[in-house]
Protein backbone atom coordinates (compact mmCIF):
# COMPACT_ATOMS: atom_id res chain seq x y z
CA MET A 1 -57.99 48.99 26.18
CA PRO A 2 -57.67 48.83 29.98
CA ILE A 3 -60.90 49.30 31.95
CA ASN A 4 -60.81 50.36 35.62
CA SER A 5 -63.72 50.61 38.04
CA PHE A 6 -63.34 52.30 41.43
CA GLU A 7 -64.91 54.72 43.91
CA VAL A 8 -63.57 58.00 45.28
CA THR A 9 -64.78 59.47 48.59
CA LEU A 10 -65.10 63.24 48.34
CA SER A 11 -64.82 66.09 50.84
CA ASP A 12 -66.89 69.26 50.94
CA THR A 13 -63.82 71.49 51.48
CA THR A 14 -60.74 69.88 49.88
CA PRO A 15 -60.91 68.94 46.18
CA GLU A 16 -60.08 65.28 45.49
CA LEU A 17 -58.54 63.95 42.29
CA ILE A 18 -61.16 61.68 40.69
CA VAL A 19 -59.39 60.80 37.42
CA SER A 20 -55.71 61.45 36.83
CA SER A 21 -54.24 62.57 33.52
CA ASP A 22 -53.06 60.12 30.90
CA ASN A 23 -51.28 60.42 27.58
CA MET A 24 -54.29 58.81 25.84
CA ASN A 25 -57.97 59.73 25.56
CA GLN A 26 -60.12 58.27 28.35
CA ASP A 27 -63.84 57.50 28.30
CA ILE A 28 -65.21 58.26 31.76
CA VAL A 29 -68.47 57.24 33.42
CA LEU A 30 -69.27 58.88 36.77
CA HIS A 31 -72.08 57.82 39.08
CA ASN A 32 -73.24 59.58 42.25
CA MET A 33 -73.50 56.56 44.56
CA SER A 34 -75.87 58.34 46.95
CA LYS A 35 -79.62 57.84 46.65
CA SER A 36 -80.51 60.47 49.27
CA SER A 37 -81.99 63.84 48.31
CA ASN A 38 -79.68 66.86 48.23
CA ASN A 39 -76.45 64.79 48.06
CA TYR A 40 -74.51 66.30 45.16
CA ILE A 41 -71.16 65.57 43.49
CA PHE A 42 -69.46 68.61 41.92
CA ILE A 43 -66.81 68.15 39.22
CA ALA A 44 -64.16 70.44 37.70
CA GLY A 45 -61.09 70.28 35.47
CA SER A 46 -58.63 71.38 38.16
CA SER A 47 -58.38 71.62 41.93
CA ASP A 48 -58.33 75.43 41.64
CA GLU A 49 -61.68 75.44 39.82
CA ALA A 50 -63.45 72.96 42.11
CA ASP A 51 -66.16 74.40 44.34
CA THR A 52 -69.74 73.61 45.34
CA THR A 53 -71.34 76.71 43.84
CA ASN A 54 -70.20 77.24 40.24
CA ASN A 55 -69.54 73.75 38.86
CA ILE A 56 -71.60 71.14 37.12
CA HIS A 57 -73.04 68.65 39.58
CA ILE A 58 -74.27 65.07 39.52
CA ASP A 59 -77.62 64.48 41.22
CA PRO A 60 -78.11 61.51 43.61
CA GLY A 61 -78.20 58.26 41.62
CA GLU A 62 -77.35 60.05 38.35
CA THR A 63 -74.74 58.83 35.86
CA ILE A 64 -72.85 60.96 33.33
CA ASN A 65 -70.27 60.00 30.71
CA PHE A 66 -67.77 61.88 28.58
CA THR A 67 -64.32 61.65 27.00
CA MET A 68 -61.26 63.21 28.60
CA ARG A 69 -58.43 64.32 26.33
CA PRO A 70 -54.73 63.61 26.99
CA ASN A 71 -53.32 65.43 30.03
CA ASP A 72 -56.78 66.40 31.38
CA GLU A 73 -57.64 65.75 35.03
CA LEU A 74 -60.96 65.55 36.83
CA TRP A 75 -61.44 66.88 40.37
CA GLY A 76 -64.44 66.83 42.65
CA LEU A 77 -66.15 67.85 45.87
CA SER A 78 -69.36 66.67 47.50
CA ASP A 79 -72.15 68.28 49.46
CA PRO A 80 -72.37 66.96 52.12
CA SER A 81 -68.85 65.69 52.78
CA GLY A 82 -68.11 61.97 52.50
CA LEU A 83 -70.10 61.06 49.39
CA ASN A 84 -68.74 58.46 46.98
CA VAL A 85 -68.50 58.86 43.23
CA GLY A 86 -68.29 55.64 41.23
CA VAL A 87 -65.87 55.78 38.30
CA LEU A 88 -65.52 53.61 35.21
CA ARG A 89 -62.40 54.62 33.28
CA ILE A 90 -61.62 53.23 29.83
CA ARG A 91 -58.23 54.14 28.43
CA LEU A 92 -58.55 54.43 24.64
CA ALA A 93 -55.84 53.38 22.21
CA ASP A 94 -54.96 55.58 19.23
C-alpha cells in the first residue's frame, strides 16, 4: 500500500492535475495549505470541468478526504493564483 505525500501549486486560470489516474482505488486527503481568508482551492474530476465558480472548494486550512475509483483523475484551480494544495495519496490493494 504505497503512500505518497506532496504539494501541488495551482493557477487561477489553467487547471492543474492534482492526482493522476491509477488502476487501483486511491484514498485521497487534500489540505488547503493557505491560512489566509478568501484563499480557496477548487477541485473537479476533469480539466474541462474545473473552474472557480461551479465546483466544490476547500476553505483555507481545511482538509477533506475521499476515495477515488480506478481511472479517475482530480484537477484543481485556486483563487487567488499560486496557492498550494497538500496531498496524501494512498494506493489501495484489491
